[in-house]
Amino acid sequence: MPFVDLEGVPWRTVLPGCRARFVHSSQMTFSFWDLDPGAVIPAHAHPHEQVSMPISGEFELTMEGETRVMAAGRVAVIPPNTEHAVKALTRCYVIDAFYPVREDYR
């Protein structure tokens, strides 16, 4: 599957106000998030390395007790097993890359 038309990938509601489309390669998972203002992804950790890239909007990312406002042009690298949480300040579109594949998102 070398080419993917995201319009053909269904949205999944992961948490209230948090919808995502998922694309998987043999080694990685890419998630394309649409977050409503005020949506929260509670503190959690996973064994995957994660790179989070906001495309539009703003959200707070708390990682290891430090909170930063994320917006287009900023990138967060979240190491494996690192607790992190998100709160959308505005409507957000965010791309996350995970290594290895997120089997729970298949």
PDB file of N, CA and C in Angstrom:
ATOM      1  N   MET A   1       0.842  -1.182   0.000  1.00  0.00           N
ATOM      2  CA  MET A   1       0.000   0.000   0.000  1.00  0.00           C
ATOM      3  C   MET A   1       0.887   1.244   0.000  1.00  0.00           C
ATOM      4  N   PRO A   2       1.538   1.567  -1.112  1.00  0.00           N
ATOM      5  CA  PRO A   2       2.456   2.705  -1.121  1.00  0.00           C
ATOM      6  C   PRO A   2       1.767   4.073  -1.164  1.00  0.00           C
ATOM      7  N   PHE A   3       0.494   4.118  -1.578  1.00  0.00           N
ATOM      8  CA  PHE A   3      -0.224   5.386  -1.638  1.00  0.00           C
ATOM      9  C   PHE A   3      -1.548   5.230  -0.904  1.00  0.00           C
ATOM     10  N   VAL A   4      -1.905   6.237  -0.121  1.00  0.00           N
ATOM     11  CA  VAL A   4      -3.148   6.204   0.640  1.00  0.00           C
ATOM     12  C   VAL A   4      -3.878   7.514   0.413  1.00  0.00           C
ATOM     13  N   ASP A   5      -5.147   7.414   0.060  1.00  0.00           N
ATOM     14  CA  ASP A   5      -6.020   8.585  -0.016  1.00  0.00           C
ATOM     15  C   ASP A   5      -6.734   8.677   1.322  1.00  0.00           C
ATOM     16  N   LEU A   6      -6.377   9.660   2.150  1.00  0.00           N
ATOM     17  CA  LEU A   6      -6.965   9.761   3.492  1.00  0.00           C
ATOM     18  C   LEU A   6      -8.477   9.889   3.465  1.00  0.00           C
ATOM     19  N   GLU A   7      -9.023  10.438   2.392  1.00  0.00           N
ATOM     20  CA  GLU A   7     -10.481  10.543   2.305  1.00  0.00           C
ATOM     21  C   GLU A   7     -11.145   9.170   2.351  1.00  0.00           C
ATOM     22  N   GLY A   8     -10.405   8.137   1.964  1.00  0.00           N
ATOM     23  CA  GLY A   8     -10.938   6.780   1.985  1.00  0.00           C
ATOM     24  C   GLY A   8     -10.710   6.052   3.301  1.00  0.00           C
ATOM     25  N   VAL A   9     -10.017   6.682   4.229  1.00  0.00           N
ATOM     26  CA  VAL A   9      -9.748   6.069   5.535  1.00  0.00           C
ATOM     27  C   VAL A   9     -10.802   6.584   6.511  1.00  0.00           C
ATOM     28  N   PRO A  10     -11.560   5.693   7.139  1.00  0.00           N
ATOM     29  CA  PRO A  10     -12.645   6.158   8.019  1.00  0.00           C
ATOM     30  C   PRO A  10     -12.126   6.818   9.292  1.00  0.00           C
ATOM     31  N   TRP A  11     -12.890   7.790   9.784  1.00  0.00           N
ATOM     32  CA  TRP A  11     -12.601   8.407  11.069  1.00  0.00           C
ATOM     33  C   TRP A  11     -13.014   7.441  12.170  1.00  0.00           C
ATOM     34  N   ARG A  12     -12.213   7.390  13.233  1.00  0.00           N
ATOM     35  CA  ARG A  12     -12.562   6.621  14.430  1.00  0.00           C
ATOM     36  C   ARG A  12     -12.578   7.575  15.618  1.00  0.00           C
ATOM     37  N   THR A  13     -13.642   7.499  16.414  1.00  0.00           N
ATOM     38  CA  THR A  13     -13.677   8.275  17.646  1.00  0.00           C
ATOM     39  C   THR A  13     -12.924   7.483  18.700  1.00  0.00           C
ATOM     40  N   VAL A  14     -11.809   8.038  19.171  1.00  0.00           N
ATOM     41  CA  VAL A  14     -10.953   7.353  20.135  1.00  0.00           C
ATOM     42  C   VAL A  14     -11.356   7.726  21.555  1.00  0.00           C
ATOM     43  N   LEU A  15     -11.639   9.007  21.761  1.00  0.00           N
ATOM     44  CA  LEU A  15     -12.126   9.554  23.024  1.00  0.00           C
ATOM     45  C   LEU A  15     -13.116  10.652  22.664  1.00  0.00           C
ATOM     46  N   PRO A  16     -13.966  11.088  23.599  1.00  0.00           N
ATOM     47  CA  PRO A  16     -14.887  12.176  23.265  1.00  0.00           C
ATOM     48  C   PRO A  16     -14.138  13.384  22.716  1.00  0.00           C
ATOM     49  N   GLY A  17     -14.567  13.866  21.553  1.00  0.00           N
ATOM     50  CA  GLY A  17     -13.939  15.020  20.917  1.00  0.00           C
ATOM     51  C   GLY A  17     -12.629  14.735  20.216  1.00  0.00           C
ATOM     52  N   CYS A  18     -12.246  13.453  20.143  1.00  0.00           N
ATOM     53  CA  CYS A  18     -10.964  13.059  19.549  1.00  0.00           C
ATOM     54  C   CYS A  18     -11.195  12.016  18.463  1.00  0.00           C
ATOM     55  N   ARG A  19     -11.129  12.449  17.210  1.00  0.00           N
ATOM     56  CA  ARG A  19     -11.310  11.556  16.070  1.00  0.00           C
ATOM     57  C   ARG A  19      -9.973  11.405  15.351  1.00  0.00           C
ATOM     58  N   ALA A  20      -9.755  10.227  14.788  1.00  0.00           N
ATOM     59  CA  ALA A  20      -8.482  10.011  14.093  1.00  0.00           C
ATOM     60  C   ALA A  20      -8.671   9.066  12.916  1.00  0.00           C
ATOM     61  N   ARG A  21      -7.797   9.247  11.958  1.00  0.00           N
ATOM     62  CA  ARG A  21      -7.626   8.297  10.857  1.00  0.00           C
ATOM     63  C   ARG A  21      -6.247   7.689  11.050  1.00  0.00           C
ATOM     64  N   PHE A  22      -6.118   6.380  10.798  1.00  0.00           N
ATOM     65  CA  PHE A  22      -4.863   5.686  11.027  1.00  0.00           C
ATOM     66  C   PHE A  22      -4.362   5.053   9.747  1.00  0.00           C
ATOM     67  N   VAL A  23      -3.064   5.218   9.503  1.00  0.00           N
ATOM     68  CA  VAL A  23      -2.382   4.597   8.371  1.00  0.00           C
ATOM     69  C   VAL A  23      -1.184   3.854   8.948  1.00  0.00           C
ATOM     70  N   HIS A  24      -1.014   2.606   8.528  1.00  0.00           N
ATOM     71  CA  HIS A  24       0.064   1.772   9.051  1.00  0.00           C
ATOM     72  C   HIS A  24       1.007   1.357   7.933  1.00  0.00           C
ATOM     73  N   SER A  25       2.297   1.470   8.210  1.00  0.00           N
ATOM     74  CA  SER A  25       3.303   0.871   7.339  1.00  0.00           C
ATOM     75  C   SER A  25       3.744  -0.422   8.024  1.00  0.00           C
ATOM     76  N   SER A  26       4.757  -1.057   7.506  1.00  0.00           N
ATOM     77  CA  SER A  26       5.205  -2.298   8.131  1.00  0.00           C
ATOM     78  C   SER A  26       5.853  -2.043   9.490  1.00  0.00           C
ATOM     79  N   GLN A  27       6.364  -0.826   9.724  1.00  0.00           N
ATOM     80  CA  GLN A  27       7.081  -0.525  10.961  1.00  0.00           C
ATOM     81  C   GLN A  27       6.486   0.610  11.796  1.00  0.00           C
ATOM     82  N   MET A  28       5.567   1.396  11.207  1.00  0.00           N
ATOM     83  CA  MET A  28       5.091   2.612  11.877  1.00  0.00           C
ATOM     84  C   MET A  28       3.581   2.752  11.754  1.00  0.00           C
ATOM     85  N   THR A  29       3.038   3.582  12.643  1.00  0.00           N
ATOM     86  CA  THR A  29       1.643   4.003  12.560  1.00  0.00           C
ATOM     87  C   THR A  29       1.621   5.521  12.497  1.00  0.00           C
ATOM     88  N   PHE A  30       0.788   6.049  11.614  1.00  0.00           N
ATOM     89  CA  PHE A  30       0.566   7.487  11.494  1.00  0.00           C
ATOM     90  C   PHE A  30      -0.885   7.760  11.838  1.00  0.00           C
ATOM     91  N   SER A  31      -1.107   8.710  12.730  1.00  0.00           N
ATOM     92  CA  SER A  31      -2.474   9.079  13.081  1.00  0.00           C
ATOM     93  C   SER A  31      -2.699  10.537  12.701  1.00  0.00           C
ATOM     94  N   PHE A  32      -3.870  10.783  12.163  1.00  0.00           N
ATOM     95  CA  PHE A  32      -4.274  12.107  11.703  1.00  0.00           C
ATOM     96  C   PHE A  32      -5.462  12.511  12.573  1.00  0.00           C
ATOM     97  N   TRP A  33      -5.203  13.359  13.570  1.00  0.00           N
ATOM     98  CA  TRP A  33      -6.180  13.685  14.606  1.00  0.00           C
ATOM     99  C   TRP A  33      -6.950  14.953  14.288  1.00  0.00           C
ATOM    100  N   ASP A  34      -8.234  14.927  14.597  1.00  0.00           N
ATOM    101  CA  ASP A  34      -9.104  16.098  14.586  1.00  0.00           C
ATOM    102  C   ASP A  34      -9.640  16.213  16.005  1.00  0.00           C
ATOM    103  N   LEU A  35      -9.200  17.248  16.724  1.00  0.00           N
ATOM    104  CA  LEU A  35      -9.561  17.422  18.134  1.00  0.00           C
ATOM    105  C   LEU A  35     -10.474  18.622  18.302  1.00  0.00           C
ATOM    106  N   ASP A  36     -11.586  18.420  19.012  1.00  0.00           N
ATOM    107  CA  ASP A  36     -12.485  19.523  19.324  1.00  0.00           C
ATOM    108  C   ASP A  36     -11.875  20.401  20.409  1.00  0.00           C
ATOM    109  N   PRO A  37     -12.231  21.702  20.459  1.00  0.00           N
ATOM    110  CA  PRO A  37     -11.753  22.547  21.553  1.00  0.00           C
ATOM    111  C   PRO A  37     -12.148  21.933  22.896  1.00  0.00           C
ATOM    112  N   GLY A  38     -11.224  21.894  23.825  1.00  0.00           N
ATOM    113  CA  GLY A  38     -11.485  21.337  25.144  1.00  0.00           C
ATOM    114  C   GLY A  38     -11.316  19.832  25.250  1.00  0.00           C
ATOM    115  N   ALA A  39     -11.097  19.154  24.126  1.00  0.00           N
ATOM    116  CA  ALA A  39     -10.910  17.698  24.163  1.00  0.00           C
ATOM    117  C   ALA A  39      -9.663  17.367  24.970  1.00  0.00           C
ATOM    118  N   VAL A  40      -9.741  16.250  25.694  1.00  0.00           N
ATOM    119  CA  VAL A  40      -8.639  15.839  26.555  1.00  0.00           C
ATOM    120  C   VAL A  40      -8.238  14.405  26.232  1.00  0.00           C
ATOM    121  N   ILE A  41      -6.954  14.195  26.102  1.00  0.00           N
ATOM    122  CA  ILE A  41      -6.380  12.848  26.063  1.00  0.00           C
ATOM    123  C   ILE A  41      -5.656  12.706  27.397  1.00  0.00           C
ATOM    124  N   PRO A  42      -6.223  11.911  28.319  1.00  0.00           N
ATOM    125  CA  PRO A  42      -5.658  11.840  29.672  1.00  0.00           C
ATOM    126  C   PRO A  42      -4.234  11.305  29.680  1.00  0.00           C
ATOM    127  N   ALA A  43      -3.562  11.540  30.796  1.00  0.00           N
ATOM    128  CA  ALA A  43      -2.182  11.080  30.968  1.00  0.00           C
ATOM    129  C   ALA A  43      -2.103   9.579  30.719  1.00  0.00           C
ATOM    130  N   HIS A  44      -1.119   9.211  29.908  1.00  0.00           N
ATOM    131  CA  HIS A  44      -0.912   7.807  29.558  1.00  0.00           C
ATOM    132  C   HIS A  44       0.528   7.640  29.084  1.00  0.00           C
ATOM    133  N   ALA A  45       0.943   6.404  28.961  1.00  0.00           N
ATOM    134  CA  ALA A  45       2.260   6.078  28.413  1.00  0.00           C
ATOM    135  C   ALA A  45       2.103   4.815  27.583  1.00  0.00           C
ATOM    136  N   HIS A  46       3.000   4.618  26.641  1.00  0.00           N
ATOM    137  CA  HIS A  46       2.984   3.427  25.796  1.00  0.00           C
ATOM    138  C   HIS A  46       4.418   3.116  25.388  1.00  0.00           C
ATOM    139  N   PRO A  47       4.661   1.890  24.939  1.00  0.00           N
ATOM    140  CA  PRO A  47       6.039   1.507  24.608  1.00  0.00           C
ATOM    141  C   PRO A  47       6.546   2.058  23.276  1.00  0.00           C
ATOM    142  N   HIS A  48       5.736   2.862  22.602  1.00  0.00           N
ATOM    143  CA  HIS A  48       6.088   3.396  21.285  1.00  0.00           C
ATOM    144  C   HIS A  48       6.761   4.759  21.403  1.00  0.00           C
ATOM    145  N   GLU A  49       7.747   5.009  20.559  1.00  0.00           N
ATOM    146  CA  GLU A  49       8.245   6.369  20.389  1.00  0.00           C
ATOM    147  C   GLU A  49       7.184   7.114  19.584  1.00  0.00           C
ATOM    148  N   GLN A  50       6.933   8.376  19.934  1.00  0.00           N
ATOM    149  CA  GLN A  50       5.902   9.163  19.257  1.00  0.00           C
ATOM    150  C   GLN A  50       6.459  10.521  18.881  1.00  0.00           C
ATOM    151  N   VAL A  51       6.162  10.957  17.667  1.00  0.00           N
ATOM    152  CA  VAL A  51       6.492  12.310  17.232  1.00  0.00           C
ATOM    153  C   VAL A  51       5.170  12.982  16.888  1.00  0.00           C
ATOM    154  N   SER A  52       4.908  14.112  17.521  1.00  0.00           N
ATOM    155  CA  SER A  52       3.632  14.814  17.367  1.00  0.00           C
ATOM    156  C   SER A  52       3.862  16.144  16.671  1.00  0.00           C
ATOM    157  N   MET A  53       3.082  16.367  15.592  1.00  0.00           N
ATOM    158  CA  MET A  53       3.252  17.566  14.767  1.00  0.00           C
ATOM    159  C   MET A  53       1.905  18.247  14.533  1.00  0.00           C
ATOM    160  N   PRO A  54       1.626  19.357  15.219  1.00  0.00           N
ATOM    161  CA  PRO A  54       0.389  20.080  14.956  1.00  0.00           C
ATOM    162  C   PRO A  54       0.420  20.736  13.572  1.00  0.00           C
ATOM    163  N   ILE A  55      -0.679  20.628  12.866  1.00  0.00           N
ATOM    164  CA  ILE A  55      -0.809  21.260  11.552  1.00  0.00           C
ATOM    165  C   ILE A  55      -1.605  22.555  11.679  1.00  0.00           C
ATOM    166  N   SER A  56      -2.642  22.526  12.528  1.00  0.00           N
ATOM    167  CA  SER A  56      -3.423  23.737  12.793  1.00  0.00           C
ATOM    168  C   SER A  56      -3.979  23.662  14.206  1.00  0.00           C
ATOM    169  N   GLY A  57      -4.289  24.838  14.762  1.00  0.00           N
ATOM    170  CA  GLY A  57      -4.825  24.916  16.107  1.00  0.00           C
ATOM    171  C   GLY A  57      -3.725  24.889  17.151  1.00  0.00           C
ATOM    172  N   GLU A  58      -4.162  24.897  18.425  1.00  0.00           N
ATOM    173  CA  GLU A  58      -3.231  24.869  19.543  1.00  0.00           C
ATOM    174  C   GLU A  58      -3.706  23.881  20.592  1.00  0.00           C
ATOM    175  N   PHE A  59      -2.755  23.175  21.200  1.00  0.00           N
ATOM    176  CA  PHE A  59      -3.076  22.289  22.308  1.00  0.00           C
ATOM    177  C   PHE A  59      -1.950  22.330  23.328  1.00  0.00           C
ATOM    178  N   GLU A  60      -2.300  21.999  24.562  1.00  0.00           N
ATOM    179  CA  GLU A  60      -1.299  21.861  25.606  1.00  0.00           C
ATOM    180  C   GLU A  60      -0.833  20.414  25.634  1.00  0.00           C
ATOM    181  N   LEU A  61       0.464  20.229  25.647  1.00  0.00           N
ATOM    182  CA  LEU A  61       1.053  18.900  25.795  1.00  0.00           C
ATOM    183  C   LEU A  61       1.841  18.907  27.099  1.00  0.00           C
ATOM    184  N   THR A  62       1.472  18.002  27.990  1.00  0.00           N
ATOM    185  CA  THR A  62       2.198  17.854  29.244  1.00  0.00           C
ATOM    186  C   THR A  62       2.980  16.553  29.170  1.00  0.00           C
ATOM    187  N   MET A  63       4.282  16.667  29.381  1.00  0.00           N
ATOM    188  CA  MET A  63       5.165  15.503  29.315  1.00  0.00           C
ATOM    189  C   MET A  63       6.160  15.632  30.457  1.00  0.00           C
ATOM    190  N   GLU A  64       6.230  14.590  31.273  1.00  0.00           N
ATOM    191  CA  GLU A  64       7.153  14.570  32.413  1.00  0.00           C
ATOM    192  C   GLU A  64       7.010  15.821  33.273  1.00  0.00           C
ATOM    193  N   GLY A  65       5.758  16.255  33.500  1.00  0.00           N
ATOM    194  CA  GLY A  65       5.486  17.393  34.370  1.00  0.00           C
ATOM    195  C   GLY A  65       5.672  18.759  33.741  1.00  0.00           C
ATOM    196  N   GLU A  66       6.096  18.833  32.497  1.00  0.00           N
ATOM    197  CA  GLU A  66       6.289  20.106  31.805  1.00  0.00           C
ATOM    198  C   GLU A  66       5.199  20.273  30.755  1.00  0.00           C
ATOM    199  N   THR A  67       4.537  21.440  30.764  1.00  0.00           N
ATOM    200  CA  THR A  67       3.460  21.724  29.817  1.00  0.00           C
ATOM    201  C   THR A  67       3.927  22.771  28.825  1.00  0.00           C
ATOM    202  N   ARG A  68       3.684  22.484  27.559  1.00  0.00           N
ATOM    203  CA  ARG A  68       4.004  23.424  26.471  1.00  0.00           C
ATOM    204  C   ARG A  68       2.772  23.580  25.597  1.00  0.00           C
ATOM    205  N   VAL A  69       2.596  24.773  25.043  1.00  0.00           N
ATOM    206  CA  VAL A  69       1.556  24.987  24.043  1.00  0.00           C
ATOM    207  C   VAL A  69       2.145  24.612  22.694  1.00  0.00           C
ATOM    208  N   MET A  70       1.467  23.718  22.015  1.00  0.00           N
ATOM    209  CA  MET A  70       1.905  23.231  20.709  1.00  0.00           C
ATOM    210  C   MET A  70       1.055  23.885  19.619  1.00  0.00           C
ATOM    211  N   ALA A  71       1.704  24.302  18.556  1.00  0.00           N
ATOM    212  CA  ALA A  71       1.031  24.907  17.403  1.00  0.00           C
ATOM    213  C   ALA A  71       1.855  24.559  16.170  1.00  0.00           C
ATOM    214  N   ALA A  72       1.321  24.882  15.005  1.00  0.00           N
ATOM    215  CA  ALA A  72       2.022  24.591  13.754  1.00  0.00           C
ATOM    216  C   ALA A  72       3.449  25.105  13.819  1.00  0.00           C
ATOM    217  N   GLY A  73       4.383  24.284  13.357  1.00  0.00           N
ATOM    218  CA  GLY A  73       5.789  24.645  13.368  1.00  0.00           C
ATOM    219  C   GLY A  73       6.540  24.099  14.576  1.00  0.00           C
ATOM    220  N   ARG A  74       5.816  23.519  15.525  1.00  0.00           N
ATOM    221  CA  ARG A  74       6.454  22.910  16.696  1.00  0.00           C
ATOM    222  C   ARG A  74       6.316  21.400  16.594  1.00  0.00           C
ATOM    223  N   VAL A  75       7.298  20.697  17.091  1.00  0.00           N
ATOM    224  CA  VAL A  75       7.295  19.233  17.054  1.00  0.00           C
ATOM    225  C   VAL A  75       7.686  18.729  18.432  1.00  0.00           C
ATOM    226  N   ALA A  76       6.969  17.716  18.912  1.00  0.00           N
ATOM    227  CA  ALA A  76       7.318  17.082  20.186  1.00  0.00           C
ATOM    228  C   ALA A  76       7.771  15.658  19.918  1.00  0.00           C
ATOM    229  N   VAL A  77       8.892  15.282  20.499  1.00  0.00           N
ATOM    230  CA  VAL A  77       9.388  13.912  20.422  1.00  0.00           C
ATOM    231  C   VAL A  77       9.162  13.293  21.804  1.00  0.00           C
ATOM    232  N   ILE A  78       8.302  12.281  21.845  1.00  0.00           N
ATOM    233  CA  ILE A  78       7.920  11.650  23.101  1.00  0.00           C
ATOM    234  C   ILE A  78       8.582  10.276  23.159  1.00  0.00           C
ATOM    235  N   PRO A  79       9.537  10.105  24.074  1.00  0.00           N
ATOM    236  CA  PRO A  79      10.228   8.812  24.161  1.00  0.00           C
ATOM    237  C   PRO A  79       9.282   7.697  24.610  1.00  0.00           C
ATOM    238  N   PRO A  80       9.628   6.450  24.341  1.00  0.00           N
ATOM    239  CA  PRO A  80       8.814   5.331  24.809  1.00  0.00           C
ATOM    240  C   PRO A  80       8.631   5.379  26.326  1.00  0.00           C
ATOM    241  N   ASN A  81       7.459   4.929  26.775  1.00  0.00           N
ATOM    242  CA  ASN A  81       7.142   4.793  28.207  1.00  0.00           C
ATOM    243  C   ASN A  81       7.179   6.110  28.970  1.00  0.00           C
ATOM    244  N   THR A  82       6.968   7.220  28.281  1.00  0.00           N
ATOM    245  CA  THR A  82       6.948   8.542  28.910  1.00  0.00           C
ATOM    246  C   THR A  82       5.506   9.004  29.065  1.00  0.00           C
ATOM    247  N   GLU A  83       5.109   9.307  30.291  1.00  0.00           N
ATOM    248  CA  GLU A  83       3.737   9.756  30.513  1.00  0.00           C
ATOM    249  C   GLU A  83       3.524  11.122  29.857  1.00  0.00           C
ATOM    250  N   HIS A  84       2.380  11.252  29.173  1.00  0.00           N
ATOM    251  CA  HIS A  84       2.047  12.507  28.507  1.00  0.00           C
ATOM    252  C   HIS A  84       0.526  12.646  28.417  1.00  0.00           C
ATOM    253  N   ALA A  85       0.064  13.892  28.277  1.00  0.00           N
ATOM    254  CA  ALA A  85      -1.363  14.192  28.193  1.00  0.00           C
ATOM    255  C   ALA A  85      -1.555  15.390  27.267  1.00  0.00           C
ATOM    256  N   VAL A  86      -2.779  15.511  26.723  1.00  0.00           N
ATOM    257  CA  VAL A  86      -3.095  16.581  25.775  1.00  0.00           C
ATOM    258  C   VAL A  86      -4.414  17.232  26.167  1.00  0.00           C
ATOM    259  N   LYS A  87      -4.479  18.556  26.024  1.00  0.00           N
ATOM    260  CA  LYS A  87      -5.739  19.288  26.132  1.00  0.00           C
ATOM    261  C   LYS A  87      -5.800  20.264  24.961  1.00  0.00           C
ATOM    262  N   ALA A  88      -6.815  20.113  24.113  1.00  0.00           N
ATOM    263  CA  ALA A  88      -6.969  20.992  22.953  1.00  0.00           C
ATOM    264  C   ALA A  88      -7.472  22.358  23.416  1.00  0.00           C
ATOM    265  N   LEU A  89      -6.753  23.411  23.058  1.00  0.00           N
ATOM    266  CA  LEU A  89      -7.165  24.773  23.377  1.00  0.00           C
ATOM    267  C   LEU A  89      -8.106  25.320  22.314  1.00  0.00           C
ATOM    268  N   THR A  90      -7.922  24.870  21.080  1.00  0.00           N
ATOM    269  CA  THR A  90      -8.769  25.243  19.945  1.00  0.00           C
ATOM    270  C   THR A  90      -9.027  23.949  19.166  1.00  0.00           C
ATOM    271  N   ARG A  91      -9.786  24.051  18.107  1.00  0.00           N
ATOM    272  CA  ARG A  91      -9.885  22.887  17.217  1.00  0.00           C
ATOM    273  C   ARG A  91      -8.493  22.640  16.640  1.00  0.00           C
ATOM    274  N   CYS A  92      -8.069  21.384  16.633  1.00  0.00           N
ATOM    275  CA  CYS A  92      -6.709  21.054  16.215  1.00  0.00           C
ATOM    276  C   CYS A  92      -6.713  19.949  15.177  1.00  0.00           C
ATOM    277  N   TYR A  93      -5.760  20.027  14.272  1.00  0.00           N
ATOM    278  CA  TYR A  93      -5.437  18.928  13.373  1.00  0.00           C
ATOM    279  C   TYR A  93      -3.974  18.607  13.638  1.00  0.00           C
ATOM    280  N   VAL A  94      -3.728  17.351  14.019  1.00  0.00           N
ATOM    281  CA  VAL A  94      -2.400  16.938  14.473  1.00  0.00           C
ATOM    282  C   VAL A  94      -2.024  15.629  13.788  1.00  0.00           C
ATOM    283  N   ILE A  95      -0.780  15.514  13.396  1.00  0.00           N
ATOM    284  CA  ILE A  95      -0.258  14.254  12.861  1.00  0.00           C
ATOM    285  C   ILE A  95       0.718  13.684  13.877  1.00  0.00           C
ATOM    286  N   ASP A  96       0.493  12.418  14.239  1.00  0.00           N
ATOM    287  CA  ASP A  96       1.413  11.702  15.118  1.00  0.00           C
ATOM    288  C   ASP A  96       2.015  10.534  14.351  1.00  0.00           C
ATOM    289  N   ALA A  97       3.301  10.301  14.578  1.00  0.00           N
ATOM    290  CA  ALA A  97       3.987   9.127  14.028  1.00  0.00           C
ATOM    291  C   ALA A  97       4.446   8.283  15.209  1.00  0.00           C
ATOM    292  N   PHE A  98       4.193   6.968  15.118  1.00  0.00           N
ATOM    293  CA  PHE A  98       4.558   6.042  16.184  1.00  0.00           C
ATOM    294  C   PHE A  98       5.466   4.953  15.633  1.00  0.00           C
ATOM    295  N   TYR A  99       6.472   4.606  16.443  1.00  0.00           N
ATOM    296  CA  TYR A  99       7.333   3.476  16.116  1.00  0.00           C
ATOM    297  C   TYR A  99       7.501   2.649  17.377  1.00  0.00           C
ATOM    298  N   PRO A 100       7.302   1.354  17.319  1.00  0.00           N
ATOM    299  CA  PRO A 100       6.822   0.572  16.188  1.00  0.00           C
ATOM    300  C   PRO A 100       5.310   0.748  15.995  1.00  0.00           C
ATOM    301  N   VAL A 101       4.739  -0.083  15.140  1.00  0.00           N
ATOM    302  CA  VAL A 101       3.309  -0.018  14.810  1.00  0.00           C
ATOM    303  C   VAL A 101       2.470  -0.076  16.072  1.00  0.00           C
ATOM    304  N   ARG A 102       1.409   0.732  16.117  1.00  0.00           N
ATOM    305  CA  ARG A 102       0.425   0.681  17.191  1.00  0.00           C
ATOM    306  C   ARG A 102      -0.613  -0.377  16.827  1.00  0.00           C
ATOM    307  N   GLU A 103      -0.426  -1.580  17.312  1.00  0.00           N
ATOM    308  CA  GLU A 103      -1.383  -2.654  17.016  1.00  0.00           C
ATOM    309  C   GLU A 103      -2.768  -2.328  17.556  1.00  0.00           C
ATOM    310  N   ASP A 104      -2.840  -1.564  18.653  1.00  0.00           N
ATOM    311  CA  ASP A 104      -4.147  -1.198  19.227  1.00  0.00           C
ATOM    312  C   ASP A 104      -4.913  -0.243  18.336  1.00  0.00           C
ATOM    313  N   TYR A 105      -4.272   0.377  17.360  1.00  0.00           N
ATOM    314  CA  TYR A 105      -4.951   1.281  16.428  1.00  0.00           C
ATOM    315  C   TYR A 105      -5.244   0.614  15.086  1.00  0.00           C
ATOM    316  N   ARG A 106      -4.929  -0.647  14.918  1.00  0.00           N
ATOM    317  CA  ARG A 106      -5.239  -1.327  13.654  1.00  0.00           C
ATOM    318  C   ARG A 106      -6.727  -1.551  13.537  1.00  0.00           C
TER     319      ARG A 106
END
